[in-house]
C-alpha atoms as a PDB file:
ATOM      1  CA  MET A   1     -11.300  45.436 -11.324  1.00  0.00           C
ATOM      2  CA  THR A   2     -15.422  46.005 -11.470  1.00  0.00           C
ATOM      3  CA  MET A   3     -15.621  44.061 -15.031  1.00  0.00           C
ATOM      4  CA  GLY A   4     -14.394  40.963 -13.461  1.00  0.00           C
ATOM      5  CA  ALA A   5     -17.486  39.265 -13.412  1.00  0.00           C
ATOM      6  CA  HIS A   6     -18.699  39.335 -16.868  1.00  0.00           C
ATOM      7  CA  VAL A   7     -15.636  38.640 -18.643  1.00  0.00           C
ATOM      8  CA  GLY A   8     -14.818  35.517 -20.899  1.00  0.00           C
ATOM      9  CA  LEU A   9     -12.479  34.613 -23.227  1.00  0.00           C
ATOM     10  CA  ILE A  10     -12.421  36.744 -26.155  1.00  0.00           C
ATOM     11  CA  SER A  11     -11.306  35.898 -29.498  1.00  0.00           C
ATOM     12  CA  PHE A  12     -10.925  37.964 -32.739  1.00  0.00           C
ATOM     13  CA  SER A  13     -10.035  35.030 -34.627  1.00  0.00           C
ATOM     14  CA  SER A  14     -12.830  35.747 -37.378  1.00  0.00           C
ATOM     15  CA  SER A  15     -10.914  38.711 -38.267  1.00  0.00           C
ATOM     16  CA  LEU A  16      -7.661  36.448 -39.336  1.00  0.00           C
ATOM     17  CA  PRO A  17      -6.080  37.012 -42.249  1.00  0.00           C
ATOM     18  CA  SER A  18      -6.990  33.921 -44.599  1.00  0.00           C
ATOM     19  CA  LEU A  19      -3.760  31.776 -44.749  1.00  0.00           C
ATOM     20  CA  PRO A  20      -2.950  28.901 -46.669  1.00  0.00           C
ATOM     21  CA  ARG A  21      -3.057  25.791 -44.187  1.00  0.00           C
ATOM     22  CA  LEU A  22       0.064  24.176 -44.606  1.00  0.00           C
ATOM     23  CA  PRO A  23       0.340  20.267 -44.637  1.00  0.00           C
ATOM     24  CA  ARG A  24       0.564  18.555 -41.295  1.00  0.00           C
ATOM     25  CA  LEU A  25       3.811  16.479 -40.864  1.00  0.00           C
ATOM     26  CA  SER A  26       3.061  12.914 -40.611  1.00  0.00           C
ATOM     27  CA  SER A  27       4.940  11.179 -38.302  1.00  0.00           C
ATOM     28  CA  THR A  28       3.410  10.554 -34.811  1.00  0.00           C
ATOM     29  CA  LYS A  29       6.123   9.119 -33.360  1.00  0.00           C
ATOM     30  CA  HIS A  30       6.118  12.354 -30.754  1.00  0.00           C
ATOM     31  CA  ARG A  31       1.938  13.194 -30.772  1.00  0.00           C
ATOM     32  CA  PRO A  32       1.326  12.067 -27.117  1.00  0.00           C
ATOM     33  CA  LEU A  33       3.814  15.114 -26.163  1.00  0.00           C
ATOM     34  CA  ILE A  34       3.077  17.139 -28.263  1.00  0.00           C
ATOM     35  CA  MET A  35      -0.848  17.197 -27.786  1.00  0.00           C
ATOM     36  CA  ALA A  36       0.175  17.364 -23.494  1.00  0.00           C
ATOM     37  CA  ALA A  37       2.101  20.478 -24.324  1.00  0.00           C
ATOM     38  CA  MET A  38      -0.590  21.907 -26.176  1.00  0.00           C
ATOM     39  CA  SER A  39      -2.970  21.041 -23.525  1.00  0.00           C
ATOM     40  CA  ASP A  40      -1.216  22.748 -20.686  1.00  0.00           C
ATOM     41  CA  ASP A  41      -0.185  26.013 -23.458  1.00  0.00           C
ATOM     42  CA  PRO A  42      -3.485  27.912 -24.752  1.00  0.00           C
ATOM     43  CA  VAL A  43      -0.866  30.198 -26.216  1.00  0.00           C
ATOM     44  CA  ARG A  44       0.913  27.670 -28.693  1.00  0.00           C
ATOM     45  CA  LYS A  45      -2.467  25.912 -28.577  1.00  0.00           C
ATOM     46  CA  TRP A  46      -3.648  28.838 -30.846  1.00  0.00           C
ATOM     47  CA  ILE A  47      -0.666  29.197 -32.600  1.00  0.00           C
ATOM     48  CA  LEU A  48      -0.944  25.881 -34.141  1.00  0.00           C
ATOM     49  CA  THR A  49      -4.437  26.003 -34.980  1.00  0.00           C
ATOM     50  CA  GLU A  50      -6.451  29.016 -35.250  1.00  0.00           C
ATOM     51  CA  GLY A  51      -3.105  30.839 -35.790  1.00  0.00           C
ATOM     52  CA  ASN A  52      -2.451  28.486 -39.051  1.00  0.00           C
ATOM     53  CA  ALA A  53       1.181  27.299 -38.229  1.00  0.00           C
ATOM     54  CA  THR A  54       2.633  24.280 -38.226  1.00  0.00           C
ATOM     55  CA  GLU A  55       5.637  25.041 -36.088  1.00  0.00           C
ATOM     56  CA  ILE A  56       6.710  27.245 -33.406  1.00  0.00           C
ATOM     57  CA  ILE A  57      10.423  28.181 -34.685  1.00  0.00           C
ATOM     58  CA  ARG A  58      11.271  30.527 -31.644  1.00  0.00           C
ATOM     59  CA  ILE A  59      10.043  32.144 -28.990  1.00  0.00           C
ATOM     60  CA  SER A  60      12.003  35.517 -27.898  1.00  0.00           C
ATOM     61  CA  PRO A  61      11.407  37.594 -24.838  1.00  0.00           C
ATOM     62  CA  ILE A  62      10.916  41.496 -25.409  1.00  0.00           C
ATOM     63  CA  GLY A  63      11.744  43.920 -23.138  1.00  0.00           C
ATOM     64  CA  GLY A  64      10.237  47.279 -22.260  1.00  0.00           C
ATOM     65  CA  GLY A  65       7.424  46.566 -20.010  1.00  0.00           C
ATOM     66  CA  CYS A  66       6.710  47.045 -16.706  1.00  0.00           C
ATOM     67  CA  ILE A  67       3.689  45.615 -15.825  1.00  0.00           C
ATOM     68  CA  ASN A  68       3.610  42.185 -18.213  1.00  0.00           C
ATOM     69  CA  ARG A  69       6.058  39.747 -19.954  1.00  0.00           C
ATOM     70  CA  ALA A  70       6.237  40.395 -23.818  1.00  0.00           C
ATOM     71  CA  SER A  71       7.137  37.412 -26.297  1.00  0.00           C
ATOM     72  CA  ARG A  72       7.483  37.357 -29.864  1.00  0.00           C
ATOM     73  CA  TYR A  73       6.933  34.310 -31.693  1.00  0.00           C
ATOM     74  CA  ASP A  74       8.087  33.608 -34.840  1.00  0.00           C
ATOM     75  CA  THR A  75       6.702  30.222 -36.828  1.00  0.00           C
ATOM     76  CA  ASP A  76       6.056  29.393 -40.302  1.00  0.00           C
ATOM     77  CA  ALA A  77       2.971  31.178 -41.077  1.00  0.00           C
ATOM     78  CA  GLY A  78       4.517  34.668 -39.594  1.00  0.00           C
ATOM     79  CA  SER A  79       5.421  36.006 -36.250  1.00  0.00           C
ATOM     80  CA  PHE A  80       2.795  36.737 -32.940  1.00  0.00           C
ATOM     81  CA  PHE A  81       3.462  39.416 -30.377  1.00  0.00           C
ATOM     82  CA  VAL A  82       2.186  37.389 -27.293  1.00  0.00           C
ATOM     83  CA  LYS A  83       1.767  39.675 -23.702  1.00  0.00           C
ATOM     84  CA  THR A  84       1.213  37.174 -20.428  1.00  0.00           C
ATOM     85  CA  ASN A  85       0.545  38.519 -16.510  1.00  0.00           C
ATOM     86  CA  ARG A  86       0.685  35.557 -13.882  1.00  0.00           C
ATOM     87  CA  SER A  87      -1.012  37.319 -11.558  1.00  0.00           C
ATOM     88  CA  ILE A  88      -3.824  39.102 -13.216  1.00  0.00           C
ATOM     89  CA  GLY A  89      -7.281  37.567 -14.759  1.00  0.00           C
ATOM     90  CA  PRO A  90      -8.389  38.191 -18.646  1.00  0.00           C
ATOM     91  CA  SER A  91     -10.268  41.588 -17.629  1.00  0.00           C
ATOM     92  CA  MET A  92      -7.010  43.380 -18.114  1.00  0.00           C
ATOM     93  CA  PHE A  93      -6.274  42.176 -21.751  1.00  0.00           C
ATOM     94  CA  GLU A  94      -9.961  42.057 -22.536  1.00  0.00           C
ATOM     95  CA  GLY A  95     -10.043  45.881 -22.197  1.00  0.00           C
ATOM     96  CA  GLU A  96      -6.746  46.326 -24.335  1.00  0.00           C
ATOM     97  CA  ALA A  97      -7.903  43.802 -26.741  1.00  0.00           C
ATOM     98  CA  LEU A  98     -10.988  45.820 -27.322  1.00  0.00           C
ATOM     99  CA  GLY A  99      -9.554  48.943 -27.438  1.00  0.00           C
ATOM    100  CA  LEU A 100      -7.029  47.476 -30.921  1.00  0.00           C
ATOM    101  CA  ASP A 101      -9.759  46.454 -32.049  1.00  0.00           C
ATOM    102  CA  ALA A 102     -11.756  49.626 -32.119  1.00  0.00           C
ATOM    103  CA  MET A 103      -8.879  51.617 -33.423  1.00  0.00           C
ATOM    104  CA  PHE A 104      -8.483  49.163 -36.030  1.00  0.00           C
ATOM    105  CA  ARG A 105     -11.307  49.040 -37.121  1.00  0.00           C
ATOM    106  CA  THR A 106     -10.886  52.949 -37.850  1.00  0.00           C
ATOM    107  CA  ARG A 107      -8.719  52.319 -40.404  1.00  0.00           C
ATOM    108  CA  SER A 108      -6.909  55.172 -39.866  1.00  0.00           C
ATOM    109  CA  ILE A 109      -3.676  54.535 -37.608  1.00  0.00           C
ATOM    110  CA  ARG A 110      -2.020  51.325 -37.588  1.00  0.00           C
ATOM    111  CA  VAL A 111      -2.354  49.325 -34.359  1.00  0.00           C
ATOM    112  CA  PRO A 112      -1.452  46.150 -33.537  1.00  0.00           C
ATOM    113  CA  LYS A 113      -4.485  43.596 -34.735  1.00  0.00           C
ATOM    114  CA  PRO A 114      -5.740  41.572 -31.298  1.00  0.00           C
ATOM    115  CA  PHE A 115      -6.014  37.893 -32.318  1.00  0.00           C
ATOM    116  CA  LYS A 116      -7.344  36.103 -28.911  1.00  0.00           C
ATOM    117  CA  VAL A 117      -7.418  36.648 -24.894  1.00  0.00           C
ATOM    118  CA  GLY A 118      -7.236  34.072 -22.641  1.00  0.00           C
ATOM    119  CA  PRO A 119      -6.720  32.689 -18.846  1.00  0.00           C
ATOM    120  CA  LEU A 120      -3.854  30.897 -18.394  1.00  0.00           C
ATOM    121  CA  PRO A 121      -4.479  27.164 -16.513  1.00  0.00           C
ATOM    122  CA  THR A 122      -1.837  28.367 -13.837  1.00  0.00           C
ATOM    123  CA  GLY A 123      -2.986  31.321 -12.952  1.00  0.00           C
ATOM    124  CA  GLY A 124      -2.772  34.569 -14.608  1.00  0.00           C
ATOM    125  CA  SER A 125      -3.536  35.775 -18.636  1.00  0.00           C
ATOM    126  CA  TYR A 126      -2.682  36.302 -22.451  1.00  0.00           C
ATOM    127  CA  ILE A 127      -3.219  38.428 -25.137  1.00  0.00           C
ATOM    128  CA  ILE A 128      -1.957  37.161 -28.832  1.00  0.00           C
ATOM    129  CA  MET A 129      -1.640  39.970 -31.194  1.00  0.00           C
ATOM    130  CA  GLU A 130      -0.058  41.065 -34.137  1.00  0.00           C
ATOM    131  CA  PHE A 131       3.475  41.315 -34.209  1.00  0.00           C
ATOM    132  CA  ILE A 132       4.945  44.386 -36.355  1.00  0.00           C
ATOM    133  CA  ASP A 133       8.471  44.934 -37.286  1.00  0.00           C
ATOM    134  CA  PHE A 134       9.189  48.529 -35.885  1.00  0.00           C
ATOM    135  CA  GLY A 135      11.511  51.177 -37.171  1.00  0.00           C
ATOM    136  CA  LEU A 136      14.139  52.779 -35.988  1.00  0.00           C
ATOM    137  CA  SER A 137      12.260  55.846 -35.269  1.00  0.00           C
ATOM    138  CA  ARG A 138       8.940  57.236 -34.262  1.00  0.00           C
ATOM    139  CA  GLY A 139       7.998  58.200 -37.659  1.00  0.00           C
ATOM    140  CA  ASN A 140       6.908  61.487 -39.008  1.00  0.00           C
ATOM    141  CA  GLN A 141       5.069  63.968 -36.655  1.00  0.00           C
ATOM    142  CA  SER A 142       2.793  65.054 -39.173  1.00  0.00           C
ATOM    143  CA  ASP A 143       1.530  61.876 -40.390  1.00  0.00           C
ATOM    144  CA  LEU A 144       1.238  61.160 -36.809  1.00  0.00           C
ATOM    145  CA  GLY A 145      -1.294  64.082 -35.848  1.00  0.00           C
ATOM    146  CA  ARG A 146      -3.375  63.619 -38.754  1.00  0.00           C
ATOM    147  CA  LYS A 147      -3.595  59.952 -38.699  1.00  0.00           C
ATOM    148  CA  LEU A 148      -4.865  60.250 -34.945  1.00  0.00           C
ATOM    149  CA  ALA A 149      -7.219  63.224 -36.154  1.00  0.00           C
ATOM    150  CA  GLU A 150      -8.471  60.343 -38.750  1.00  0.00           C
ATOM    151  CA  MET A 151      -9.125  58.380 -36.002  1.00  0.00           C
ATOM    152  CA  HIS A 152     -11.051  60.852 -33.369  1.00  0.00           C
ATOM    153  CA  LYS A 153     -12.881  62.050 -36.465  1.00  0.00           C
ATOM    154  CA  THR A 154     -14.296  58.120 -37.591  1.00  0.00           C
ATOM    155  CA  GLY A 155     -14.589  56.340 -34.571  1.00  0.00           C
ATOM    156  CA  LYS A 156     -17.229  58.036 -32.497  1.00  0.00           C
ATOM    157  CA  SER A 157     -19.705  56.290 -29.860  1.00  0.00           C
ATOM    158  CA  GLU A 158     -24.093  56.536 -30.082  1.00  0.00           C
ATOM    159  CA  LYS A 159     -24.039  55.703 -26.311  1.00  0.00           C
ATOM    160  CA  GLY A 160     -21.911  58.698 -25.488  1.00  0.00           C
ATOM    161  CA  PHE A 161     -19.002  58.915 -23.425  1.00  0.00           C
ATOM    162  CA  GLY A 162     -17.598  56.059 -21.859  1.00  0.00           C
ATOM    163  CA  PHE A 163     -16.608  51.990 -23.778  1.00  0.00           C
ATOM    164  CA  GLU A 164     -17.752  48.656 -23.516  1.00  0.00           C
ATOM    165  CA  VAL A 165     -15.607  47.485 -20.548  1.00  0.00           C
ATOM    166  CA  ASN A 166     -13.565  49.153 -17.809  1.00  0.00           C
ATOM    167  CA  ASN A 167      -9.989  48.977 -18.265  1.00  0.00           C
ATOM    168  CA  THR A 168      -6.531  50.424 -17.233  1.00  0.00           C
ATOM    169  CA  ILE A 169      -4.269  52.959 -17.181  1.00  0.00           C
ATOM    170  CA  GLY A 170      -1.313  51.791 -16.468  1.00  0.00           C
ATOM    171  CA  SER A 171      -2.133  49.242 -13.590  1.00  0.00           C
ATOM    172  CA  THR A 172      -4.802  51.729 -12.312  1.00  0.00           C
ATOM    173  CA  PRO A 173      -8.580  50.715 -12.994  1.00  0.00           C
ATOM    174  CA  GLN A 174     -10.094  53.042 -15.823  1.00  0.00           C
ATOM    175  CA  ILE A 175     -13.969  53.558 -14.979  1.00  0.00           C
ATOM    176  CA  ASN A 176     -15.772  53.603 -18.486  1.00  0.00           C
ATOM    177  CA  THR A 177     -19.811  53.421 -17.644  1.00  0.00           C
ATOM    178  CA  TRP A 178     -21.405  55.394 -20.041  1.00  0.00           C
ATOM    179  CA  SER A 179     -22.503  58.930 -19.655  1.00  0.00           C
ATOM    180  CA  SER A 180     -24.262  61.402 -22.001  1.00  0.00           C
ATOM    181  CA  ASP A 181     -22.253  64.294 -19.930  1.00  0.00           C
ATOM    182  CA  TRP A 182     -18.885  64.811 -21.078  1.00  0.00           C
ATOM    183  CA  ILE A 183     -18.283  67.012 -17.767  1.00  0.00           C
ATOM    184  CA  GLN A 184     -20.311  64.512 -15.409  1.00  0.00           C
ATOM    185  CA  PHE A 185     -17.763  61.360 -16.887  1.00  0.00           C
ATOM    186  CA  TYR A 186     -14.375  63.588 -16.866  1.00  0.00           C
ATOM    187  CA  GLY A 187     -15.089  64.936 -12.914  1.00  0.00           C
ATOM    188  CA  GLU A 188     -16.464  61.588 -11.789  1.00  0.00           C
ATOM    189  CA  HIS A 189     -14.878  58.870 -13.739  1.00  0.00           C
ATOM    190  CA  ARG A 190     -11.459  60.231 -14.442  1.00  0.00           C
ATOM    191  CA  LEU A 191     -10.394  62.912 -11.468  1.00  0.00           C
ATOM    192  CA  GLY A 192     -13.071  62.233  -8.767  1.00  0.00           C
ATOM    193  CA  TYR A 193     -11.898  58.468  -8.850  1.00  0.00           C
ATOM    194  CA  GLN A 194      -7.859  59.616  -9.130  1.00  0.00           C
ATOM    195  CA  LEU A 195      -8.662  62.375  -5.981  1.00  0.00           C
ATOM    196  CA  GLN A 196     -10.479  59.071  -4.040  1.00  0.00           C
ATOM    197  CA  LEU A 197      -7.641  56.929  -4.613  1.00  0.00           C
ATOM    198  CA  ALA A 198      -5.155  59.989  -3.152  1.00  0.00           C
ATOM    199  CA  VAL A 199      -7.058  59.382  -0.021  1.00  0.00           C
ATOM    200  CA  ASP A 200      -6.842  56.181   0.016  1.00  0.00           C
ATOM    201  CA  ARG A 201      -3.325  55.622  -0.494  1.00  0.00           C
ATOM    202  CA  TYR A 202      -1.446  58.622   1.162  1.00  0.00           C
ATOM    203  CA  GLY A 203      -4.570  60.175   3.234  1.00  0.00           C
ATOM    204  CA  ASP A 204      -4.482  63.209   0.932  1.00  0.00           C
ATOM    205  CA  SER A 205      -6.943  64.773   1.812  1.00  0.00           C
ATOM    206  CA  THR A 206      -5.626  68.267   0.724  1.00  0.00           C
ATOM    207  CA  ILE A 207      -5.236  67.543  -3.006  1.00  0.00           C
ATOM    208  CA  TYR A 208      -8.934  65.567  -2.641  1.00  0.00           C
ATOM    209  CA  GLU A 209     -11.036  68.813  -1.052  1.00  0.00           C
ATOM    210  CA  LYS A 210      -9.444  70.938  -3.246  1.00  0.00           C
ATOM    211  CA  GLY A 211      -9.556  68.500  -6.792  1.00  0.00           C
ATOM    212  CA  GLN A 212     -13.212  68.190  -5.890  1.00  0.00           C
ATOM    213  CA  ARG A 213     -13.579  71.906  -5.615  1.00  0.00           C
ATOM    214  CA  LEU A 214     -12.765  71.935  -9.214  1.00  0.00           C
ATOM    215  CA  VAL A 215     -14.060  69.709 -10.284  1.00  0.00           C
ATOM    216  CA  LYS A 216     -17.757  71.179  -9.263  1.00  0.00           C
ATOM    217  CA  SER A 217     -16.131  74.380 -10.896  1.00  0.00           C
ATOM    218  CA  MET A 218     -14.686  73.362 -13.990  1.00  0.00           C
ATOM    219  CA  GLY A 219     -18.018  73.654 -16.249  1.00  0.00           C
ATOM    220  CA  PRO A 220     -17.244  77.495 -17.402  1.00  0.00           C
ATOM    221  CA  LEU A 221     -14.145  75.866 -19.121  1.00  0.00           C
ATOM    222  CA  PHE A 222     -16.228  73.895 -21.734  1.00  0.00           C
ATOM    223  CA  ASP A 223     -18.465  76.705 -22.838  1.00  0.00           C
ATOM    224  CA  ASN A 224     -19.460  77.271 -26.438  1.00  0.00           C
ATOM    225  CA  ILE A 225     -17.625  74.112 -27.550  1.00  0.00           C
ATOM    226  CA  VAL A 226     -19.541  71.231 -28.936  1.00  0.00           C
ATOM    227  CA  ILE A 227     -17.816  67.647 -27.327  1.00  0.00           C
ATOM    228  CA  GLU A 228     -18.440  64.557 -29.458  1.00  0.00           C
ATOM    229  CA  PRO A 229     -17.240  61.311 -27.615  1.00  0.00           C
ATOM    230  CA  CYS A 230     -14.081  60.100 -30.090  1.00  0.00           C
ATOM    231  CA  LEU A 231     -12.638  57.074 -29.859  1.00  0.00           C
ATOM    232  CA  LEU A 232      -9.134  57.766 -27.777  1.00  0.00           C
ATOM    233  CA  HIS A 233      -6.293  55.678 -27.169  1.00  0.00           C
ATOM    234  CA  GLY A 234      -5.918  57.097 -23.269  1.00  0.00           C
ATOM    235  CA  ASP A 235      -2.274  56.753 -23.109  1.00  0.00           C
ATOM    236  CA  LEU A 236      -0.905  58.480 -25.575  1.00  0.00           C
ATOM    237  CA  TRP A 237       3.085  58.955 -24.466  1.00  0.00           C
ATOM    238  CA  SER A 238       6.080  58.375 -26.913  1.00  0.00           C
ATOM    239  CA  GLY A 239       6.811  54.983 -25.196  1.00  0.00           C
ATOM    240  CA  ASN A 240       3.761  54.090 -26.489  1.00  0.00           C
ATOM    241  CA  ILE A 241       4.295  55.522 -29.955  1.00  0.00           C
ATOM    242  CA  SER A 242       6.496  53.914 -32.736  1.00  0.00           C
ATOM    243  CA  SER A 243       6.823  53.571 -36.690  1.00  0.00           C
ATOM    244  CA  ASP A 244       6.708  50.478 -38.760  1.00  0.00           C
ATOM    245  CA  LYS A 245       9.327  49.859 -41.259  1.00  0.00           C
ATOM    246  CA  LYS A 246       7.324  52.177 -44.078  1.00  0.00           C
ATOM    247  CA  ARG A 247       7.854  54.680 -41.488  1.00  0.00           C
ATOM    248  CA  GLU A 248       3.952  54.761 -40.860  1.00  0.00           C
ATOM    249  CA  PRO A 249       3.300  55.760 -37.405  1.00  0.00           C
ATOM    250  CA  VAL A 250       2.121  52.827 -34.880  1.00  0.00           C
ATOM    251  CA  ILE A 251       0.470  53.532 -31.558  1.00  0.00           C
ATOM    252  CA  LEU A 252      -0.176  50.615 -28.671  1.00  0.00           C
ATOM    253  CA  ASP A 253      -0.725  49.773 -25.313  1.00  0.00           C
ATOM    254  CA  PRO A 254      -4.080  51.747 -25.372  1.00  0.00           C
ATOM    255  CA  ALA A 255      -6.485  52.460 -22.442  1.00  0.00           C
ATOM    256  CA  CYS A 256      -9.339  53.400 -25.117  1.00  0.00           C
ATOM    257  CA  TYR A 257     -12.199  55.035 -24.348  1.00  0.00           C
ATOM    258  CA  TYR A 258     -14.696  57.656 -25.830  1.00  0.00           C
ATOM    259  CA  GLY A 259     -14.521  60.750 -24.657  1.00  0.00           C
ATOM    260  CA  HIS A 260     -13.423  64.343 -25.870  1.00  0.00           C
ATOM    261  CA  ASN A 261     -10.639  64.377 -28.061  1.00  0.00           C
ATOM    262  CA  GLU A 262      -8.736  67.215 -26.644  1.00  0.00           C
ATOM    263  CA  ALA A 263      -8.227  64.549 -23.695  1.00  0.00           C
ATOM    264  CA  GLU A 264      -5.842  62.878 -26.135  1.00  0.00           C
ATOM    265  CA  PHE A 265      -3.237  64.596 -25.594  1.00  0.00           C
ATOM    266  CA  GLY A 266      -3.443  64.548 -21.246  1.00  0.00           C
ATOM    267  CA  MET A 267       0.321  63.008 -21.327  1.00  0.00           C
ATOM    268  CA  SER A 268       1.572  65.828 -24.145  1.00  0.00           C
ATOM    269  CA  TRP A 269       4.028  65.889 -21.059  1.00  0.00           C
ATOM    270  CA  CYS A 270       5.761  63.014 -22.145  1.00  0.00           C
ATOM    271  CA  ALA A 271       4.732  62.533 -25.750  1.00  0.00           C
ATOM    272  CA  GLY A 272       6.844  64.579 -27.336  1.00  0.00           C
ATOM    273  CA  PHE A 273       4.075  66.382 -29.880  1.00  0.00           C
ATOM    274  CA  GLY A 274       6.011  68.907 -32.105  1.00  0.00           C
ATOM    275  CA  GLY A 275       4.328  71.961 -33.770  1.00  0.00           C
ATOM    276  CA  SER A 276       3.945  70.226 -37.070  1.00  0.00           C
ATOM    277  CA  PHE A 277       2.003  67.476 -35.102  1.00  0.00           C
ATOM    278  CA  TYR A 278      -0.700  69.569 -33.990  1.00  0.00           C
ATOM    279  CA  SER A 279      -0.630  71.632 -37.083  1.00  0.00           C
ATOM    280  CA  SER A 280      -1.561  68.437 -38.997  1.00  0.00           C
ATOM    281  CA  TYR A 281      -4.031  67.546 -36.114  1.00  0.00           C
ATOM    282  CA  PHE A 282      -5.950  70.544 -36.286  1.00  0.00           C
ATOM    283  CA  GLU A 283      -6.375  70.572 -40.121  1.00  0.00           C
ATOM    284  CA  VAL A 284      -9.174  67.314 -39.352  1.00  0.00           C
ATOM    285  CA  MET A 285     -10.487  68.204 -36.350  1.00  0.00           C
ATOM    286  CA  PRO A 286     -10.592  72.058 -35.608  1.00  0.00           C
ATOM    287  CA  LYS A 287      -8.961  73.369 -32.823  1.00  0.00           C
ATOM    288  CA  GLN A 288     -11.931  74.824 -30.335  1.00  0.00           C
ATOM    289  CA  PRO A 289     -12.209  77.943 -28.800  1.00  0.00           C
ATOM    290  CA  GLY A 290     -10.324  77.400 -25.088  1.00  0.00           C
ATOM    291  CA  PHE A 291      -7.960  74.729 -26.358  1.00  0.00           C
ATOM    292  CA  GLU A 292      -5.379  76.251 -24.240  1.00  0.00           C
ATOM    293  CA  LYS A 293      -7.415  76.990 -20.959  1.00  0.00           C
ATOM    294  CA  ARG A 294      -8.654  73.206 -20.865  1.00  0.00           C
ATOM    295  CA  LYS A 295      -4.643  71.608 -21.853  1.00  0.00           C
ATOM    296  CA  ASP A 296      -3.853  70.875 -17.857  1.00  0.00           C
ATOM    297  CA  LEU A 297      -7.069  69.704 -17.077  1.00  0.00           C
ATOM    298  CA  TYR A 298      -6.567  66.765 -19.251  1.00  0.00           C
ATOM    299  CA  MET A 299      -2.825  66.895 -17.829  1.00  0.00           C
ATOM    300  CA  LEU A 300      -4.396  66.727 -14.478  1.00  0.00           C
ATOM    301  CA  TYR A 301      -5.514  63.379 -14.940  1.00  0.00           C
ATOM    302  CA  HIS A 302      -2.502  61.635 -15.663  1.00  0.00           C
ATOM    303  CA  TYR A 303      -0.378  63.397 -13.128  1.00  0.00           C
ATOM    304  CA  LEU A 304      -2.861  62.178 -10.769  1.00  0.00           C
ATOM    305  CA  ASN A 305      -2.388  58.660 -12.026  1.00  0.00           C
ATOM    306  CA  HIS A 306       1.296  59.185 -11.976  1.00  0.00           C
ATOM    307  CA  TYR A 307       1.350  60.243  -8.348  1.00  0.00           C
ATOM    308  CA  ASN A 308      -1.298  57.519  -7.445  1.00  0.00           C
ATOM    309  CA  LEU A 309       1.229  54.711  -9.218  1.00  0.00           C
ATOM    310  CA  PHE A 310       4.643  56.214  -8.593  1.00  0.00           C
ATOM    311  CA  GLY A 311       4.337  58.418  -5.150  1.00  0.00           C
ATOM    312  CA  SER A 312       4.790  61.712  -4.254  1.00  0.00           C
ATOM    313  CA  GLY A 313       7.352  62.810  -6.924  1.00  0.00           C
ATOM    314  CA  TYR A 314       4.046  63.473  -9.111  1.00  0.00           C
ATOM    315  CA  ARG A 315       2.041  65.220  -6.679  1.00  0.00           C
ATOM    316  CA  SER A 316       3.244  68.777  -7.092  1.00  0.00           C
ATOM    317  CA  SER A 317       2.749  69.061 -10.173  1.00  0.00           C
ATOM    318  CA  ALA A 318      -0.663  67.845  -9.683  1.00  0.00           C
ATOM    319  CA  MET A 319      -1.376  70.415  -6.601  1.00  0.00           C
ATOM    320  CA  SER A 320      -0.073  73.382  -8.965  1.00  0.00           C
ATOM    321  CA  ILE A 321      -2.730  72.383 -11.522  1.00  0.00           C
ATOM    322  CA  ILE A 322      -5.118  72.348  -9.408  1.00  0.00           C
ATOM    323  CA  ASP A 323      -4.155  75.722  -7.678  1.00  0.00           C
ATOM    324  CA  ASP A 324      -3.962  77.748 -11.238  1.00  0.00           C
ATOM    325  CA  TYR A 325      -7.560  76.076 -12.195  1.00  0.00           C
ATOM    326  CA  LEU A 326      -8.900  77.381  -8.993  1.00  0.00           C
ATOM    327  CA  ARG A 327      -7.548  80.870  -9.438  1.00  0.00           C
ATOM    328  CA  MET A 328      -8.839  81.011 -12.981  1.00  0.00           C
ATOM    329  CA  LEU A 329     -12.363  80.299 -11.796  1.00  0.00           C
ATOM    330  CA  LYS A 330     -12.453  81.959  -8.301  1.00  0.00           C
ATOM    331  CA  ALA A 331     -13.154  79.045  -7.075  1.00  0.00           C
END
């Protein structure tokens, strides 16, 4: 990844709730062993110091992830959610933490609050964040649409389109170099990057050449609209949408950047957004002319990414979208 050179430890400890410190146990019988264990385990060390805990009661594995190992740490100061990766440095989790923090600060839709990112002494990295006890359903579609729109409306950037660091979409690097031109940004750093990956991984010159024709011809799809750089979750599919015990929507595992708000629906083919979701969304963020014509263009980025991550099963969907646009644009 290109952001490795500037990545260091990142801490969100200053935003921790002000929890009272419980008295430490006075016994020193096992202190040398405890101190040695803490120095070898930065996660345990943070939880037992800056996390305001005096005791870790249990550590439970949490399934569902295919890239990282996830665990729940239950302590006398509450529970924490911890992800670790034994092969990737802190840059990936730094991007996630910065995205979560940016979304958290909009005070719109609920996201896990990030606390700490750092390297593991044996290699790899970790992220500690708020543990959210999920409900039994994904919550109300109307609430999700409204709160997502509120995040897009509130989270704006004066720097243009991009993000503070590069991050990842799945395990694919996502380039977020700032740009004042959305069409250029999306064509180069989203579609163009994925098209080049298809050549590098599969030697797929056909999808590359046709895709580049689309990139050079897609300008008219954006005629007569205003595009503002809105804070996007970036990878909003059903697996990254849940609800808390109060049935309030929760979104997680982001690939954040500032972009055209419509790009947020690029994973709608596996997100399950219904009519009430879109109705509530557009009440806050009005639908712009040509929305329907651009929907597949934003899906294309994710179909290309799935092609590059998971293989040829997604190629035909990406190729079909490209061919349809080339016919529509007479390119």
